[in-house]
PDB file of all heavy atoms in Angstrom:
ATOM      1  N   ARG A   1     135.668  88.803 106.198  1.00  0.00           N
ATOM      2  CA  ARG A   1     136.061  87.799 107.189  1.00  0.00           C
ATOM      3  C   ARG A   1     136.658  88.453 108.437  1.00  0.00           C
ATOM      4  O   ARG A   1     137.524  87.901 109.094  1.00  0.00           O
ATOM      5  CB  ARG A   1     137.047  86.792 106.586  1.00  0.00           C
ATOM      6  CG  ARG A   1     136.447  85.999 105.435  1.00  0.00           C
ATOM      7  CD  ARG A   1     137.394  84.952 104.900  1.00  0.00           C
ATOM      8  NE  ARG A   1     136.803  84.216 103.796  1.00  0.00           N
ATOM      9  CZ  ARG A   1     137.397  83.246 103.122  1.00  0.00           C
ATOM     10  NH1 ARG A   1     138.637  82.887 103.456  1.00  0.00           N
ATOM     11  NH2 ARG A   1     136.793  82.631 102.132  1.00  0.00           N
ATOM     12  N   LEU A   2     136.174  89.639 108.725  1.00  0.00           N
ATOM     13  CA  LEU A   2     136.583  90.371 109.917  1.00  0.00           C
ATOM     14  C   LEU A   2     135.360  90.638 110.790  1.00  0.00           C
ATOM     15  O   LEU A   2     134.248  90.758 110.282  1.00  0.00           O
ATOM     16  CB  LEU A   2     137.218  91.713 109.537  1.00  0.00           C
ATOM     17  CG  LEU A   2     138.523  91.665 108.744  1.00  0.00           C
ATOM     18  CD1 LEU A   2     138.892  93.057 108.257  1.00  0.00           C
ATOM     19  CD2 LEU A   2     139.648  91.074 109.603  1.00  0.00           C
ATOM     20  N   PRO A   3     135.550  90.740 112.105  1.00  0.00           N
ATOM     21  CA  PRO A   3     134.407  91.085 112.958  1.00  0.00           C
ATOM     22  C   PRO A   3     133.981  92.529 112.714  1.00  0.00           C
ATOM     23  O   PRO A   3     134.818  93.430 112.604  1.00  0.00           O
ATOM     24  CB  PRO A   3     134.948  90.887 114.377  1.00  0.00           C
ATOM     25  CG  PRO A   3     136.429  91.050 114.244  1.00  0.00           C
ATOM     26  CD  PRO A   3     136.784  90.515 112.880  1.00  0.00           C
ATOM     27  N   MET A   4     132.701  92.763 112.607  1.00  0.00           N
ATOM     28  CA  MET A   4     132.166  94.090 112.349  1.00  0.00           C
ATOM     29  C   MET A   4     131.070  94.411 113.351  1.00  0.00           C
ATOM     30  O   MET A   4     130.352  93.520 113.820  1.00  0.00           O
ATOM     31  CB  MET A   4     131.568  94.174 110.941  1.00  0.00           C
ATOM     32  CG  MET A   4     132.573  94.028 109.819  1.00  0.00           C
ATOM     33  SD  MET A   4     133.500  95.549 109.555  1.00  0.00           S
ATOM     34  CE  MET A   4     134.662  94.987 108.292  1.00  0.00           C
ATOM     35  N   ALA A   5     130.948  95.687 113.668  1.00  0.00           N
ATOM     36  CA  ALA A   5     129.861  96.151 114.532  1.00  0.00           C
ATOM     37  C   ALA A   5     129.382  97.493 114.017  1.00  0.00           C
ATOM     38  O   ALA A   5     130.139  98.239 113.396  1.00  0.00           O
ATOM     39  CB  ALA A   5     130.325  96.279 115.981  1.00  0.00           C
ATOM     40  N   ILE A   6     128.126  97.783 114.254  1.00  0.00           N
ATOM     41  CA  ILE A   6     127.540  99.047 113.831  1.00  0.00           C
ATOM     42  C   ILE A   6     127.346  99.935 115.059  1.00  0.00           C
ATOM     43  O   ILE A   6     126.783  99.504 116.066  1.00  0.00           O
ATOM     44  CB  ILE A   6     126.182  98.823 113.135  1.00  0.00           C
ATOM     45  CG1 ILE A   6     126.383  97.947 111.898  1.00  0.00           C
ATOM     46  CG2 ILE A   6     125.529 100.139 112.757  1.00  0.00           C
ATOM     47  CD1 ILE A   6     127.242  98.540 110.827  1.00  0.00           C
ATOM     48  N   LEU A   7     127.804 101.170 114.966  1.00  0.00           N
ATOM     49  CA  LEU A   7     127.634 102.114 116.069  1.00  0.00           C
ATOM     50  C   LEU A   7     126.233 102.712 116.032  1.00  0.00           C
ATOM     51  O   LEU A   7     125.629 102.825 114.965  1.00  0.00           O
ATOM     52  CB  LEU A   7     128.669 103.233 115.974  1.00  0.00           C
ATOM     53  CG  LEU A   7     130.131 102.794 116.115  1.00  0.00           C
ATOM     54  CD1 LEU A   7     131.058 103.976 115.894  1.00  0.00           C
ATOM     55  CD2 LEU A   7     130.375 102.177 117.471  1.00  0.00           C
ATOM     56  N   PRO A   8     125.697 103.104 117.186  1.00  0.00           N
ATOM     57  CA  PRO A   8     124.347 103.688 117.212  1.00  0.00           C
ATOM     58  C   PRO A   8     124.311 105.069 116.559  1.00  0.00           C
ATOM     59  O   PRO A   8     125.230 105.866 116.714  1.00  0.00           O
ATOM     60  CB  PRO A   8     124.033 103.788 118.711  1.00  0.00           C
ATOM     61  CG  PRO A   8     125.372 103.874 119.365  1.00  0.00           C
ATOM     62  CD  PRO A   8     126.289 103.022 118.532  1.00  0.00           C
ATOM     63  N   THR A   9     123.256 105.329 115.805  1.00  0.00           N
ATOM     64  CA  THR A   9     123.038 106.664 115.255  1.00  0.00           C
ATOM     65  C   THR A   9     122.690 107.606 116.406  1.00  0.00           C
ATOM     66  O   THR A   9     121.782 107.316 117.178  1.00  0.00           O
ATOM     67  CB  THR A   9     121.871 106.633 114.246  1.00  0.00           C
ATOM     68  OG1 THR A   9     122.146 105.630 113.270  1.00  0.00           O
ATOM     69  CG2 THR A   9     121.718 107.968 113.551  1.00  0.00           C
ATOM     70  N   PRO A  10     123.404 108.739 116.552  1.00  0.00           N
ATOM     71  CA  PRO A  10     123.188 109.580 117.740  1.00  0.00           C
ATOM     72  C   PRO A  10     121.979 110.496 117.644  1.00  0.00           C
ATOM     73  O   PRO A  10     122.083 111.719 117.706  1.00  0.00           O
ATOM     74  CB  PRO A  10     124.492 110.385 117.817  1.00  0.00           C
ATOM     75  CG  PRO A  10     124.912 110.523 116.398  1.00  0.00           C
ATOM     76  CD  PRO A  10     124.525 109.217 115.733  1.00  0.00           C
ATOM     77  N   HIS A  11     120.803 109.913 117.480  1.00  0.00           N
ATOM     78  CA  HIS A  11     119.560 110.683 117.487  1.00  0.00           C
ATOM     79  C   HIS A  11     118.988 110.689 118.897  1.00  0.00           C
ATOM     80  O   HIS A  11     119.042 109.686 119.607  1.00  0.00           O
ATOM     81  CB  HIS A  11     118.530 110.074 116.530  1.00  0.00           C
ATOM     82  CG  HIS A  11     118.960 110.136 115.105  1.00  0.00           C
ATOM     83  ND1 HIS A  11     118.814 111.254 114.333  1.00  0.00           N
ATOM     84  CD2 HIS A  11     119.568 109.220 114.310  1.00  0.00           C
ATOM     85  CE1 HIS A  11     119.292 111.028 113.119  1.00  0.00           C
ATOM     86  NE2 HIS A  11     119.760 109.797 113.087  1.00  0.00           N
ATOM     87  N   THR A  12     118.424 111.802 119.297  1.00  0.00           N
ATOM     88  CA  THR A  12     117.856 111.899 120.632  1.00  0.00           C
ATOM     89  C   THR A  12     116.350 112.066 120.553  1.00  0.00           C
ATOM     90  O   THR A  12     115.803 112.506 119.548  1.00  0.00           O
ATOM     91  CB  THR A  12     118.440 113.096 121.395  1.00  0.00           C
ATOM     92  OG1 THR A  12     118.246 114.288 120.623  1.00  0.00           O
ATOM     93  CG2 THR A  12     119.920 112.925 121.640  1.00  0.00           C
ATOM     94  N   LYS A  13     115.700 111.709 121.617  1.00  0.00           N
ATOM     95  CA  LYS A  13     114.248 111.880 121.710  1.00  0.00           C
ATOM     96  C   LYS A  13     113.969 113.304 122.181  1.00  0.00           C
ATOM     97  O   LYS A  13     114.096 113.622 123.360  1.00  0.00           O
ATOM     98  CB  LYS A  13     113.653 110.868 122.684  1.00  0.00           C
ATOM     99  CG  LYS A  13     112.131 110.937 122.773  1.00  0.00           C
ATOM    100  CD  LYS A  13     111.611 109.907 123.758  1.00  0.00           C
ATOM    101  CE  LYS A  13     110.103 109.995 123.863  1.00  0.00           C
ATOM    102  NZ  LYS A  13     109.569 109.052 124.860  1.00  0.00           N
ATOM    103  N   ARG A  14     113.619 114.166 121.246  1.00  0.00           N
ATOM    104  CA  ARG A  14     113.436 115.577 121.562  1.00  0.00           C
ATOM    105  C   ARG A  14     111.946 115.867 121.657  1.00  0.00           C
ATOM    106  O   ARG A  14     111.253 115.965 120.657  1.00  0.00           O
ATOM    107  CB  ARG A  14     114.072 116.443 120.468  1.00  0.00           C
ATOM    108  CG  ARG A  14     115.568 116.217 120.310  1.00  0.00           C
ATOM    109  CD  ARG A  14     116.091 116.799 119.026  1.00  0.00           C
ATOM    110  NE  ARG A  14     115.556 116.091 117.861  1.00  0.00           N
ATOM    111  CZ  ARG A  14     115.947 116.326 116.606  1.00  0.00           C
ATOM    112  NH1 ARG A  14     116.845 117.239 116.364  1.00  0.00           N
ATOM    113  NH2 ARG A  14     115.422 115.658 115.615  1.00  0.00           N
ATOM    114  N   GLY A  15     111.451 115.976 122.849  1.00  0.00           N
ATOM    115  CA  GLY A  15     110.028 116.252 123.020  1.00  0.00           C
ATOM    116  C   GLY A  15     109.293 115.002 123.467  1.00  0.00           C
ATOM    117  O   GLY A  15     109.826 114.195 124.199  1.00  0.00           O
ATOM    118  N   GLY A  16     108.081 114.837 122.996  1.00  0.00           N
ATOM    119  CA  GLY A  16     107.296 113.674 123.369  1.00  0.00           C
ATOM    120  C   GLY A  16     106.153 113.481 122.411  1.00  0.00           C
ATOM    121  O   GLY A  16     105.863 114.346 121.591  1.00  0.00           O
ATOM    122  N   PRO A  17     105.506 112.323 122.449  1.00  0.00           N
ATOM    123  CA  PRO A  17     104.392 112.057 121.540  1.00  0.00           C
ATOM    124  C   PRO A  17     103.294 113.093 121.668  1.00  0.00           C
ATOM    125  O   PRO A  17     102.953 113.527 122.769  1.00  0.00           O
ATOM    126  CB  PRO A  17     103.904 110.675 121.994  1.00  0.00           C
ATOM    127  CG  PRO A  17     105.071 110.061 122.684  1.00  0.00           C
ATOM    128  CD  PRO A  17     105.794 111.195 123.340  1.00  0.00           C
ATOM    129  N   MET A  18     102.761 113.530 120.528  1.00  0.00           N
ATOM    130  CA  MET A  18     101.694 114.510 120.529  1.00  0.00           C
ATOM    131  C   MET A  18     100.422 113.880 121.086  1.00  0.00           C
ATOM    132  O   MET A  18     100.044 112.770 120.717  1.00  0.00           O
ATOM    133  CB  MET A  18     101.429 114.999 119.103  1.00  0.00           C
ATOM    134  CG  MET A  18     100.366 116.079 119.007  1.00  0.00           C
ATOM    135  SD  MET A  18     100.107 116.624 117.309  1.00  0.00           S
ATOM    136  CE  MET A  18      99.346 115.200 116.566  1.00  0.00           C
ATOM    137  N   LYS A  19      99.776 114.569 121.982  1.00  0.00           N
ATOM    138  CA  LYS A  19      98.498 114.103 122.516  1.00  0.00           C
ATOM    139  C   LYS A  19      97.371 114.635 121.631  1.00  0.00           C
ATOM    140  O   LYS A  19      97.093 115.827 121.601  1.00  0.00           O
ATOM    141  CB  LYS A  19      98.321 114.591 123.955  1.00  0.00           C
ATOM    142  CG  LYS A  19      99.440 114.133 124.893  1.00  0.00           C
ATOM    143  CD  LYS A  19      99.568 112.609 124.936  1.00  0.00           C
ATOM    144  CE  LYS A  19     100.667 112.185 125.897  1.00  0.00           C
ATOM    145  NZ  LYS A  19     100.863 110.723 125.899  1.00  0.00           N
ATOM    146  N   GLN A  20      96.767 113.748 120.893  1.00  0.00           N
ATOM    147  CA  GLN A  20      95.756 114.147 119.938  1.00  0.00           C
ATOM    148  C   GLN A  20      94.366 114.013 120.524  1.00  0.00           C
ATOM    149  O   GLN A  20      94.115 113.240 121.442  1.00  0.00           O
ATOM    150  CB  GLN A  20      95.848 113.281 118.670  1.00  0.00           C
ATOM    151  CG  GLN A  20      97.104 113.516 117.869  1.00  0.00           C
ATOM    152  CD  GLN A  20      97.114 112.632 116.646  1.00  0.00           C
ATOM    153  OE1 GLN A  20      97.147 111.423 116.748  1.00  0.00           O
ATOM    154  NE2 GLN A  20      97.072 113.241 115.483  1.00  0.00           N
ATOM    155  N   SER A  21      93.450 114.782 119.950  1.00  0.00           N
ATOM    156  CA  SER A  21      92.045 114.619 120.287  1.00  0.00           C
ATOM    157  C   SER A  21      91.593 113.238 119.830  1.00  0.00           C
ATOM    158  O   SER A  21      92.010 112.755 118.772  1.00  0.00           O
ATOM    159  CB  SER A  21      91.216 115.700 119.580  1.00  0.00           C
ATOM    160  OG  SER A  21      89.843 115.363 119.605  1.00  0.00           O
ATOM    161  N   PRO A  22      90.749 112.560 120.597  1.00  0.00           N
ATOM    162  CA  PRO A  22      90.276 111.228 120.197  1.00  0.00           C
ATOM    163  C   PRO A  22      89.597 111.223 118.830  1.00  0.00           C
ATOM    164  O   PRO A  22      89.569 110.197 118.152  1.00  0.00           O
ATOM    165  CB  PRO A  22      89.284 110.858 121.304  1.00  0.00           C
ATOM    166  CG  PRO A  22      89.686 111.690 122.469  1.00  0.00           C
ATOM    167  CD  PRO A  22      90.219 112.976 121.899  1.00  0.00           C
ATOM    168  N   ASN A  23      89.070 112.369 118.418  1.00  0.00           N
ATOM    169  CA  ASN A  23      88.352 112.441 117.142  1.00  0.00           C
ATOM    170  C   ASN A  23      89.227 112.940 115.990  1.00  0.00           C
ATOM    171  O   ASN A  23      88.749 113.070 114.869  1.00  0.00           O
ATOM    172  CB  ASN A  23      87.134 113.352 117.285  1.00  0.00           C
ATOM    173  CG  ASN A  23      86.134 112.816 118.296  1.00  0.00           C
ATOM    174  OD1 ASN A  23      85.900 111.616 118.372  1.00  0.00           O
ATOM    175  ND2 ASN A  23      85.559 113.702 119.104  1.00  0.00           N
ATOM    176  N   ALA A  24      90.503 113.241 116.272  1.00  0.00           N
ATOM    177  CA  ALA A  24      91.374 113.773 115.228  1.00  0.00           C
ATOM    178  C   ALA A  24      91.776 112.667 114.254  1.00  0.00           C
ATOM    179  O   ALA A  24      91.986 111.516 114.644  1.00  0.00           O
ATOM    180  CB  ALA A  24      92.618 114.391 115.853  1.00  0.00           C
ATOM    181  N   ALA A  25      91.893 113.030 112.985  1.00  0.00           N
ATOM    182  CA  ALA A  25      92.342 112.066 111.976  1.00  0.00           C
ATOM    183  C   ALA A  25      93.834 111.813 112.152  1.00  0.00           C
ATOM    184  O   ALA A  25      94.602 112.744 112.416  1.00  0.00           O
ATOM    185  CB  ALA A  25      92.077 112.620 110.578  1.00  0.00           C
ATOM    186  N   PRO A  26      94.292 110.563 112.039  1.00  0.00           N
ATOM    187  CA  PRO A  26      95.734 110.297 112.108  1.00  0.00           C
ATOM    188  C   PRO A  26      96.477 111.094 111.044  1.00  0.00           C
ATOM    189  O   PRO A  26      96.061 111.150 109.883  1.00  0.00           O
ATOM    190  CB  PRO A  26      95.822 108.788 111.842  1.00  0.00           C
ATOM    191  CG  PRO A  26      94.501 108.251 112.281  1.00  0.00           C
ATOM    192  CD  PRO A  26      93.511 109.313 111.918  1.00  0.00           C
ATOM    193  N   ARG A  27      97.562 111.721 111.458  1.00  0.00           N
ATOM    194  CA  ARG A  27      98.379 112.536 110.549  1.00  0.00           C
ATOM    195  C   ARG A  27      99.594 111.728 110.102  1.00  0.00           C
ATOM    196  O   ARG A  27     100.454 111.372 110.899  1.00  0.00           O
ATOM    197  CB  ARG A  27      98.823 113.823 111.234  1.00  0.00           C
ATOM    198  CG  ARG A  27      99.809 114.653 110.413  1.00  0.00           C
ATOM    199  CD  ARG A  27     100.227 115.909 111.136  1.00  0.00           C
ATOM    200  NE  ARG A  27      99.114 116.831 111.230  1.00  0.00           N
ATOM    201  CZ  ARG A  27      99.177 117.995 111.875  1.00  0.00           C
ATOM    202  NH1 ARG A  27     100.290 118.334 112.511  1.00  0.00           N
ATOM    203  NH2 ARG A  27      98.137 118.793 111.910  1.00  0.00           N
ATOM    204  N   PHE A  28      99.701 111.457 108.798  1.00  0.00           N
ATOM    205  CA  PHE A  28     100.829 110.747 108.221  1.00  0.00           C
ATOM    206  C   PHE A  28     101.833 111.776 107.712  1.00  0.00           C
ATOM    207  O   PHE A  28     101.482 112.654 106.920  1.00  0.00           O
ATOM    208  CB  PHE A  28     100.368 109.836 107.083  1.00  0.00           C
ATOM    209  CG  PHE A  28      99.621 108.616 107.555  1.00  0.00           C
ATOM    210  CD1 PHE A  28      98.344 108.717 108.096  1.00  0.00           C
ATOM    211  CD2 PHE A  28     100.200 107.356 107.465  1.00  0.00           C
ATOM    212  CE1 PHE A  28      97.662 107.601 108.541  1.00  0.00           C
ATOM    213  CE2 PHE A  28      99.524 106.226 107.898  1.00  0.00           C
ATOM    214  CZ  PHE A  28      98.249 106.347 108.446  1.00  0.00           C
ATOM    215  N   VAL A  29     103.078 111.649 108.145  1.00  0.00           N
ATOM    216  CA  VAL A  29     104.097 112.664 107.872  1.00  0.00           C
ATOM    217  C   VAL A  29     105.244 112.058 107.076  1.00  0.00           C
ATOM    218  O   VAL A  29     105.663 110.922 107.328  1.00  0.00           O
ATOM    219  CB  VAL A  29     104.604 113.277 109.198  1.00  0.00           C
ATOM    220  CG1 VAL A  29     105.919 114.019 108.996  1.00  0.00           C
ATOM    221  CG2 VAL A  29     103.551 114.208 109.788  1.00  0.00           C
ATOM    222  N   TRP A  30     105.736 112.838 106.103  1.00  0.00           N
ATOM    223  CA  TRP A  30     106.966 112.519 105.375  1.00  0.00           C
ATOM    224  C   TRP A  30     108.008 113.531 105.814  1.00  0.00           C
ATOM    225  O   TRP A  30     107.788 114.736 105.725  1.00  0.00           O
ATOM    226  CB  TRP A  30     106.734 112.613 103.868  1.00  0.00           C
ATOM    227  CG  TRP A  30     107.966 112.439 103.023  1.00  0.00           C
ATOM    228  CD1 TRP A  30     109.037 113.290 102.932  1.00  0.00           C
ATOM    229  CD2 TRP A  30     108.257 111.359 102.138  1.00  0.00           C
ATOM    230  NE1 TRP A  30     109.973 112.812 102.053  1.00  0.00           N
ATOM    231  CE2 TRP A  30     109.516 111.624 101.559  1.00  0.00           C
ATOM    232  CE3 TRP A  30     107.573 110.196 101.788  1.00  0.00           C
ATOM    233  CZ2 TRP A  30     110.106 110.761 100.634  1.00  0.00           C
ATOM    234  CZ3 TRP A  30     108.152 109.336 100.865  1.00  0.00           C
ATOM    235  CH2 TRP A  30     109.411 109.615 100.295  1.00  0.00           C
ATOM    236  N   LEU A  31     109.175 113.063 106.270  1.00  0.00           N
ATOM    237  CA  LEU A  31     110.252 113.923 106.752  1.00  0.00           C
ATOM    238  C   LEU A  31     111.430 113.890 105.797  1.00  0.00           C
ATOM    239  O   LEU A  31     111.815 112.840 105.295  1.00  0.00           O
ATOM    240  CB  LEU A  31     110.714 113.460 108.134  1.00  0.00           C
ATOM    241  CG  LEU A  31     109.702 113.596 109.266  1.00  0.00           C
ATOM    242  CD1 LEU A  31     110.094 112.707 110.442  1.00  0.00           C
ATOM    243  CD2 LEU A  31     109.591 115.047 109.714  1.00  0.00           C
ATOM    244  N   GLY A  32     112.027 115.047 105.552  1.00  0.00           N
ATOM    245  CA  GLY A  32     113.166 115.127 104.651  1.00  0.00           C
ATOM    246  C   GLY A  32     112.698 115.404 103.232  1.00  0.00           C
ATOM    247  O   GLY A  32     111.513 115.284 102.905  1.00  0.00           O
ATOM    248  N   GLY A  33     113.615 115.784 102.357  1.00  0.00           N
ATOM    249  CA  GLY A  33     113.256 116.051 100.974  1.00  0.00           C
ATOM    250  C   GLY A  33     112.786 114.802 100.253  1.00  0.00           C
ATOM    251  O   GLY A  33     112.899 113.685 100.769  1.00  0.00           O
ATOM    252  N   ILE A  34     112.252 114.996  99.046  1.00  0.00           N
ATOM    253  CA  ILE A  34     111.686 113.869  98.290  1.00  0.00           C
ATOM    254  C   ILE A  34     112.616 113.464  97.148  1.00  0.00           C
ATOM    255  O   ILE A  34     113.235 114.300  96.491  1.00  0.00           O
ATOM    256  CB  ILE A  34     110.275 114.204  97.761  1.00  0.00           C
ATOM    257  CG1 ILE A  34     110.286 115.489  96.926  1.00  0.00           C
ATOM    258  CG2 ILE A  34     109.306 114.340  98.921  1.00  0.00           C
ATOM    259  CD1 ILE A  34     108.947 115.811  96.272  1.00  0.00           C
ATOM    260  N   ARG A  35     112.725 112.150  96.937  1.00  0.00           N
ATOM    261  CA  ARG A  35     113.511 111.579  95.844  1.00  0.00           C
ATOM    262  C   ARG A  35     112.855 110.284  95.400  1.00  0.00           C
ATOM    263  O   ARG A  35     112.115 109.653  96.160  1.00  0.00           O
ATOM    264  CB  ARG A  35     114.939 111.244  96.285  1.00  0.00           C
ATOM    265  CG  ARG A  35     115.822 112.385  96.640  1.00  0.00           C
ATOM    266  CD  ARG A  35     117.305 111.988  96.593  1.00  0.00           C
ATOM    267  NE  ARG A  35     117.627 110.767  97.301  1.00  0.00           N
ATOM    268  CZ  ARG A  35     118.061 110.722  98.559  1.00  0.00           C
ATOM    269  NH1 ARG A  35     118.173 111.824  99.275  1.00  0.00           N
ATOM    270  NH2 ARG A  35     118.376 109.548  99.116  1.00  0.00           N
ATOM    271  N   THR A  36     113.195 109.876  94.186  1.00  0.00           N
ATOM    272  CA  THR A  36     112.659 108.608  93.673  1.00  0.00           C
ATOM    273  C   THR A  36     113.169 107.432  94.495  1.00  0.00           C
ATOM    274  O   THR A  36     112.406 106.508  94.815  1.00  0.00           O
ATOM    275  CB  THR A  36     113.034 108.438  92.196  1.00  0.00           C
ATOM    276  OG1 THR A  36     112.359 109.459  91.431  1.00  0.00           O
ATOM    277  CG2 THR A  36     112.612 107.081  91.668  1.00  0.00           C
ATOM    278  N   ASP A  37     114.478 107.442  94.871  1.00  0.00           N
ATOM    279  CA  ASP A  37     114.990 106.301  95.635  1.00  0.00           C
ATOM    280  C   ASP A  37     114.450 106.264  97.061  1.00  0.00           C
ATOM    281  O   ASP A  37     114.551 105.239  97.734  1.00  0.00           O
ATOM    282  CB  ASP A  37     116.518 106.275  95.630  1.00  0.00           C
ATOM    283  CG  ASP A  37     117.140 107.452  96.357  1.00  0.00           C
ATOM    284  OD1 ASP A  37     116.508 108.516  96.434  1.00  0.00           O
ATOM    285  OD2 ASP A  37     118.272 107.301  96.852  1.00  0.00           O
ATOM    286  N   LYS A  38     113.843 107.354  97.518  1.00  0.00           N
ATOM    287  CA  LYS A  38     113.162 107.343  98.810  1.00  0.00           C
ATOM    288  C   LYS A  38     111.736 106.809  98.692  1.00  0.00           C
ATOM    289  O   LYS A  38     111.042 106.672  99.686  1.00  0.00           O
ATOM    290  CB  LYS A  38     113.115 108.749  99.409  1.00  0.00           C
ATOM    291  CG  LYS A  38     114.449 109.275  99.911  1.00  0.00           C
ATOM    292  CD  LYS A  38     114.245 110.658 100.533  1.00  0.00           C
ATOM    293  CE  LYS A  38     115.518 111.214 101.120  1.00  0.00           C
ATOM    294  NZ  LYS A  38     115.284 112.564 101.722  1.00  0.00           N
ATOM    295  N   GLY A  39     111.295 106.559  97.456  1.00  0.00           N
ATOM    296  CA  GLY A  39     109.975 105.972  97.261  1.00  0.00           C
ATOM    297  C   GLY A  39     108.847 106.965  97.125  1.00  0.00           C
ATOM    298  O   GLY A  39     107.673 106.585  97.266  1.00  0.00           O
ATOM    299  N   PHE A  40     109.160 108.232  96.801  1.00  0.00           N
ATOM    300  CA  PHE A  40     108.083 109.222  96.763  1.00  0.00           C
ATOM    301  C   PHE A  40     107.050 108.970  95.665  1.00  0.00           C
ATOM    302  O   PHE A  40     105.849 109.160  95.908  1.00  0.00           O
ATOM    303  CB  PHE A  40     108.645 110.642  96.621  1.00  0.00           C
ATOM    304  CG  PHE A  40     107.568 111.685  96.665  1.00  0.00           C
ATOM    305  CD1 PHE A  40     107.021 112.072  97.881  1.00  0.00           C
ATOM    306  CD2 PHE A  40     107.064 112.239  95.497  1.00  0.00           C
ATOM    307  CE1 PHE A  40     105.993 113.018  97.927  1.00  0.00           C
ATOM    308  CE2 PHE A  40     106.045 113.183  95.535  1.00  0.00           C
ATOM    309  CZ  PHE A  40     105.500 113.568  96.757  1.00  0.00           C
ATOM    310  N   PRO A  41     107.428 108.563  94.439  1.00  0.00           N
ATOM    311  CA  PRO A  41     106.396 108.341  93.415  1.00  0.00           C
ATOM    312  C   PRO A  41     105.325 107.339  93.850  1.00  0.00           C
ATOM    313  O   PRO A  41     104.123 107.577  93.647  1.00  0.00           O
ATOM    314  CB  PRO A  41     107.202 107.834  92.211  1.00  0.00           C
ATOM    315  CG  PRO A  41     108.533 108.499  92.368  1.00  0.00           C
ATOM    316  CD  PRO A  41     108.789 108.467  93.853  1.00  0.00           C
ATOM    317  N   ALA A  42     105.724 106.219  94.457  1.00  0.00           N
ATOM    318  CA  ALA A  42     104.732 105.239  94.932  1.00  0.00           C
ATOM    319  C   ALA A  42     103.894 105.829  96.056  1.00  0.00           C
ATOM    320  O   ALA A  42     102.686 105.566  96.151  1.00  0.00           O
ATOM    321  CB  ALA A  42     105.438 103.966  95.402  1.00  0.00           C
ATOM    322  N   PHE A  43     104.515 106.623  96.917  1.00  0.00           N
ATOM    323  CA  PHE A  43     103.800 107.272  98.014  1.00  0.00           C
ATOM    324  C   PHE A  43     102.731 108.216  97.468  1.00  0.00           C
ATOM    325  O   PHE A  43     101.581 108.218  97.938  1.00  0.00           O
ATOM    326  CB  PHE A  43     104.803 108.028  98.876  1.00  0.00           C
ATOM    327  CG  PHE A  43     104.210 108.761 100.050  1.00  0.00           C
ATOM    328  CD1 PHE A  43     103.415 108.101 100.977  1.00  0.00           C
ATOM    329  CD2 PHE A  43     104.472 110.105 100.243  1.00  0.00           C
ATOM    330  CE1 PHE A  43     102.888 108.777 102.081  1.00  0.00           C
ATOM    331  CE2 PHE A  43     103.954 110.788 101.340  1.00  0.00           C
ATOM    332  CZ  PHE A  43     103.158 110.125 102.246  1.00  0.00           C
ATOM    333  N   ALA A  44     103.081 109.009  96.458  1.00  0.00           N
ATOM    334  CA  ALA A  44     102.113 109.934  95.866  1.00  0.00           C
ATOM    335  C   ALA A  44     100.943 109.184  95.241  1.00  0.00           C
ATOM    336  O   ALA A  44      99.774 109.575  95.409  1.00  0.00           O
ATOM    337  CB  ALA A  44     102.807 110.809  94.818  1.00  0.00           C
TER     338      ALA A  44
END
């Protein structure tokens, strides 16, 4: 019963979107280590 606010996560945009060849296959990336609670078994 108190007012709450969430502060922004201080992540920065480092770099820019990769310019891919029009014929390149989309690359799906997993970042960070793997765990069950991160959903890796279903992903595999």
